[in-house]
């Protein structure tokens, strides 16, 4: 099962020259391996309640443990409206998944969903200044 690779996804989306906004298709939350780690669980305790760690290798330190939110089933926090029920405190792997990345577009192709298109100039203009500055830095050539 593919997993979220947020560093690579962010670079690919930024390097494509396009800026994408998630349209909440929910495919990443349904079909990718979504993992959470100790810091994610500290930030959002419902992760442990929904996805108890259960058995782990006795030599594995708790800080190296991994909670699986999504693999063969959709993430338990994905609502019927395709909105994340823990959006503000979602795991780092989810935060880093870039809309419009190669992995995002591949999922869309595999499931018959049209490709995500880059934002229009109007959408860019309506962004808050900090978001615009961060995205401009991501899209800038190295």
C-alpha atoms as a PDB file:
ATOM      1  CA  UNK A   1       0.000   0.000   0.000  1.00  0.00           C
ATOM      2  CA  UNK A   2       1.402   3.426  -0.855  1.00  0.00           C
ATOM      3  CA  UNK A   3       2.117   5.731   2.038  1.00  0.00           C
ATOM      4  CA  UNK A   4       2.108   9.472   2.400  1.00  0.00           C
ATOM      5  CA  UNK A   5       5.487  10.941   1.469  1.00  0.00           C
ATOM      6  CA  UNK A   6       5.010  14.565   2.391  1.00  0.00           C
ATOM      7  CA  UNK A   7       8.530  15.924   1.781  1.00  0.00           C
ATOM      8  CA  UNK A   8       8.643  14.545  -1.742  1.00  0.00           C
ATOM      9  CA  UNK A   9       5.022  15.568  -2.397  1.00  0.00           C
ATOM     10  CA  UNK A  10       5.619  19.163  -1.335  1.00  0.00           C
ATOM     11  CA  UNK A  11       8.739  19.448  -3.528  1.00  0.00           C
ATOM     12  CA  UNK A  12       6.934  17.938  -6.527  1.00  0.00           C
ATOM     13  CA  UNK A  13       3.902  20.194  -6.165  1.00  0.00           C
ATOM     14  CA  UNK A  14       6.087  23.272  -5.722  1.00  0.00           C
ATOM     15  CA  UNK A  15       8.379  22.331  -8.607  1.00  0.00           C
ATOM     16  CA  UNK A  16       5.451  21.777 -10.941  1.00  0.00           C
ATOM     17  CA  UNK A  17       4.973  25.541 -10.949  1.00  0.00           C
ATOM     18  CA  UNK A  18       1.379  25.151  -9.874  1.00  0.00           C
ATOM     19  CA  UNK A  19      -0.363  25.903  -6.647  1.00  0.00           C
ATOM     20  CA  UNK A  20      -3.138  23.483  -5.774  1.00  0.00           C
ATOM     21  CA  UNK A  21      -5.948  23.562  -3.255  1.00  0.00           C
ATOM     22  CA  UNK A  22      -7.389  20.288  -1.995  1.00  0.00           C
ATOM     23  CA  UNK A  23     -10.905  19.663  -3.278  1.00  0.00           C
ATOM     24  CA  UNK A  24     -11.634  17.105  -0.529  1.00  0.00           C
ATOM     25  CA  UNK A  25     -11.965  14.059  -2.773  1.00  0.00           C
ATOM     26  CA  UNK A  26     -10.899  11.974   0.259  1.00  0.00           C
ATOM     27  CA  UNK A  27      -8.796   9.530  -1.757  1.00  0.00           C
ATOM     28  CA  UNK A  28      -5.640  10.047   0.303  1.00  0.00           C
ATOM     29  CA  UNK A  29      -7.579   9.335   3.514  1.00  0.00           C
ATOM     30  CA  UNK A  30      -9.168   6.221   2.020  1.00  0.00           C
ATOM     31  CA  UNK A  31      -6.413   4.610  -0.002  1.00  0.00           C
ATOM     32  CA  UNK A  32      -3.023   5.551   1.424  1.00  0.00           C
ATOM     33  CA  UNK A  33      -1.215   4.222   4.447  1.00  0.00           C
ATOM     34  CA  UNK A  34      -1.587   6.996   7.023  1.00  0.00           C
ATOM     35  CA  UNK A  35       0.668   6.751  10.042  1.00  0.00           C
ATOM     36  CA  UNK A  36       0.789   8.723  13.285  1.00  0.00           C
ATOM     37  CA  UNK A  37       3.661   8.936  15.707  1.00  0.00           C
ATOM     38  CA  UNK A  38       4.065   9.689  19.424  1.00  0.00           C
ATOM     39  CA  UNK A  39       4.067  13.477  18.992  1.00  0.00           C
ATOM     40  CA  UNK A  40       0.902  13.221  16.892  1.00  0.00           C
ATOM     41  CA  UNK A  41      -0.781  11.236  19.679  1.00  0.00           C
ATOM     42  CA  UNK A  42       0.292  13.793  22.285  1.00  0.00           C
ATOM     43  CA  UNK A  43      -1.242  16.546  20.153  1.00  0.00           C
ATOM     44  CA  UNK A  44      -4.389  14.524  19.374  1.00  0.00           C
ATOM     45  CA  UNK A  45      -5.245  11.840  22.004  1.00  0.00           C
ATOM     46  CA  UNK A  46      -8.231  10.611  19.961  1.00  0.00           C
ATOM     47  CA  UNK A  47      -5.717   8.875  17.691  1.00  0.00           C
ATOM     48  CA  UNK A  48      -4.895   6.405  20.471  1.00  0.00           C
ATOM     49  CA  UNK A  49      -8.587   5.985  21.296  1.00  0.00           C
ATOM     50  CA  UNK A  50      -9.527   5.212  17.663  1.00  0.00           C
ATOM     51  CA  UNK A  51      -6.378   3.309  16.693  1.00  0.00           C
ATOM     52  CA  UNK A  52      -4.917   1.740  19.827  1.00  0.00           C
ATOM     53  CA  UNK A  53      -1.259   0.895  19.457  1.00  0.00           C
ATOM     54  CA  UNK A  54      -1.865  -2.648  20.662  1.00  0.00           C
ATOM     55  CA  UNK A  55       1.074  -4.987  20.353  1.00  0.00           C
ATOM     56  CA  UNK A  56       4.449  -3.646  19.471  1.00  0.00           C
ATOM     57  CA  UNK A  57       7.891  -5.140  19.480  1.00  0.00           C
ATOM     58  CA  UNK A  58       9.128  -5.173  23.099  1.00  0.00           C
ATOM     59  CA  UNK A  59      12.442  -3.585  22.082  1.00  0.00           C
ATOM     60  CA  UNK A  60      10.708  -0.663  20.357  1.00  0.00           C
ATOM     61  CA  UNK A  61      10.698   2.548  22.377  1.00  0.00           C
ATOM     62  CA  UNK A  62       7.290   4.261  22.603  1.00  0.00           C
ATOM     63  CA  UNK A  63       8.751   7.314  20.856  1.00  0.00           C
ATOM     64  CA  UNK A  64       9.499   5.133  17.823  1.00  0.00           C
ATOM     65  CA  UNK A  65       6.052   3.534  17.783  1.00  0.00           C
ATOM     66  CA  UNK A  66       3.623   4.047  14.930  1.00  0.00           C
ATOM     67  CA  UNK A  67      -0.171   4.161  14.964  1.00  0.00           C
ATOM     68  CA  UNK A  68      -1.832   3.149  11.688  1.00  0.00           C
ATOM     69  CA  UNK A  69      -4.852   5.324  10.918  1.00  0.00           C
ATOM     70  CA  UNK A  70      -5.551   4.169   7.397  1.00  0.00           C
ATOM     71  CA  UNK A  71      -4.454   1.115   5.465  1.00  0.00           C
ATOM     72  CA  UNK A  72      -7.168  -1.352   4.470  1.00  0.00           C
ATOM     73  CA  UNK A  73      -9.929   0.901   5.818  1.00  0.00           C
ATOM     74  CA  UNK A  74     -10.413   4.661   5.476  1.00  0.00           C
ATOM     75  CA  UNK A  75      -9.074   6.879   8.222  1.00  0.00           C
ATOM     76  CA  UNK A  76     -11.548   6.780  11.126  1.00  0.00           C
ATOM     77  CA  UNK A  77     -11.486  10.589  11.283  1.00  0.00           C
ATOM     78  CA  UNK A  78     -12.686  11.058   7.701  1.00  0.00           C
ATOM     79  CA  UNK A  79     -16.275  12.286   7.804  1.00  0.00           C
ATOM     80  CA  UNK A  80     -19.051  11.472   5.352  1.00  0.00           C
ATOM     81  CA  UNK A  81     -18.500  14.942   3.877  1.00  0.00           C
ATOM     82  CA  UNK A  82     -14.814  14.065   3.233  1.00  0.00           C
ATOM     83  CA  UNK A  83     -13.706  16.507   5.915  1.00  0.00           C
ATOM     84  CA  UNK A  84     -11.143  15.567   8.531  1.00  0.00           C
ATOM     85  CA  UNK A  85     -12.611  15.310  12.011  1.00  0.00           C
ATOM     86  CA  UNK A  86      -9.237  16.217  13.572  1.00  0.00           C
ATOM     87  CA  UNK A  87      -8.058  18.673  10.917  1.00  0.00           C
ATOM     88  CA  UNK A  88      -6.459  21.148  13.335  1.00  0.00           C
ATOM     89  CA  UNK A  89      -4.525  18.379  15.097  1.00  0.00           C
ATOM     90  CA  UNK A  90      -4.120  15.856  12.261  1.00  0.00           C
ATOM     91  CA  UNK A  91      -0.876  13.852  12.062  1.00  0.00           C
ATOM     92  CA  UNK A  92       2.228  15.330  10.490  1.00  0.00           C
ATOM     93  CA  UNK A  93       2.012  12.932   7.554  1.00  0.00           C
ATOM     94  CA  UNK A  94      -1.390  14.390   6.695  1.00  0.00           C
ATOM     95  CA  UNK A  95      -0.246  17.982   7.151  1.00  0.00           C
ATOM     96  CA  UNK A  96       2.566  17.399   4.691  1.00  0.00           C
ATOM     97  CA  UNK A  97       0.580  15.670   1.945  1.00  0.00           C
ATOM     98  CA  UNK A  98       0.498  18.129  -0.937  1.00  0.00           C
ATOM     99  CA  UNK A  99      -2.617  18.578  -3.028  1.00  0.00           C
ATOM    100  CA  UNK A 100      -1.715  18.302  -6.710  1.00  0.00           C
ATOM    101  CA  UNK A 101       1.462  16.295  -6.073  1.00  0.00           C
ATOM    102  CA  UNK A 102       2.346  13.344  -8.272  1.00  0.00           C
ATOM    103  CA  UNK A 103       0.964  10.976  -5.629  1.00  0.00           C
ATOM    104  CA  UNK A 104      -2.284  12.954  -5.396  1.00  0.00           C
ATOM    105  CA  UNK A 105      -2.723  13.022  -9.170  1.00  0.00           C
ATOM    106  CA  UNK A 106      -1.913   9.302  -9.457  1.00  0.00           C
ATOM    107  CA  UNK A 107      -4.607   8.428  -6.892  1.00  0.00           C
ATOM    108  CA  UNK A 108      -7.093  10.541  -8.807  1.00  0.00           C
ATOM    109  CA  UNK A 109      -6.250   8.749 -12.090  1.00  0.00           C
ATOM    110  CA  UNK A 110      -6.494   5.307 -10.468  1.00  0.00           C
ATOM    111  CA  UNK A 111      -9.965   6.089  -9.116  1.00  0.00           C
ATOM    112  CA  UNK A 112     -11.384   7.895 -12.133  1.00  0.00           C
ATOM    113  CA  UNK A 113     -11.332  11.349 -10.554  1.00  0.00           C
ATOM    114  CA  UNK A 114     -10.340  14.233 -12.854  1.00  0.00           C
ATOM    115  CA  UNK A 115      -6.908  15.742 -12.200  1.00  0.00           C
ATOM    116  CA  UNK A 116      -6.621  18.557  -9.728  1.00  0.00           C
ATOM    117  CA  UNK A 117      -5.951  21.800 -11.565  1.00  0.00           C
ATOM    118  CA  UNK A 118      -3.687  24.605 -10.336  1.00  0.00           C
ATOM    119  CA  UNK A 119      -5.298  27.558  -8.580  1.00  0.00           C
ATOM    120  CA  UNK A 120      -6.518  30.431 -10.645  1.00  0.00           C
ATOM    121  CA  UNK A 121      -5.084  33.918 -10.167  1.00  0.00           C
ATOM    122  CA  UNK A 122      -8.343  34.868  -8.445  1.00  0.00           C
ATOM    123  CA  UNK A 123      -7.924  32.052  -5.906  1.00  0.00           C
ATOM    124  CA  UNK A 124      -4.338  33.140  -5.252  1.00  0.00           C
ATOM    125  CA  UNK A 125      -5.410  36.741  -4.678  1.00  0.00           C
ATOM    126  CA  UNK A 126      -7.963  35.669  -2.060  1.00  0.00           C
ATOM    127  CA  UNK A 127      -5.359  33.896   0.125  1.00  0.00           C
ATOM    128  CA  UNK A 128      -4.295  35.399   3.414  1.00  0.00           C
ATOM    129  CA  UNK A 129      -0.895  37.161   3.217  1.00  0.00           C
ATOM    130  CA  UNK A 130       1.037  34.570   5.272  1.00  0.00           C
ATOM    131  CA  UNK A 131      -0.220  31.657   3.167  1.00  0.00           C
ATOM    132  CA  UNK A 132       0.675  33.555   0.008  1.00  0.00           C
ATOM    133  CA  UNK A 133       4.186  34.301   1.308  1.00  0.00           C
ATOM    134  CA  UNK A 134       4.816  30.676   2.294  1.00  0.00           C
ATOM    135  CA  UNK A 135       3.554  29.377  -1.032  1.00  0.00           C
ATOM    136  CA  UNK A 136       5.605  31.926  -2.925  1.00  0.00           C
ATOM    137  CA  UNK A 137       8.707  30.680  -1.097  1.00  0.00           C
ATOM    138  CA  UNK A 138       7.811  27.060  -1.903  1.00  0.00           C
ATOM    139  CA  UNK A 139       7.314  27.877  -5.572  1.00  0.00           C
ATOM    140  CA  UNK A 140      10.484  29.949  -5.900  1.00  0.00           C
ATOM    141  CA  UNK A 141      13.310  28.326  -7.885  1.00  0.00           C
ATOM    142  CA  UNK A 142      16.195  27.146  -5.733  1.00  0.00           C
END
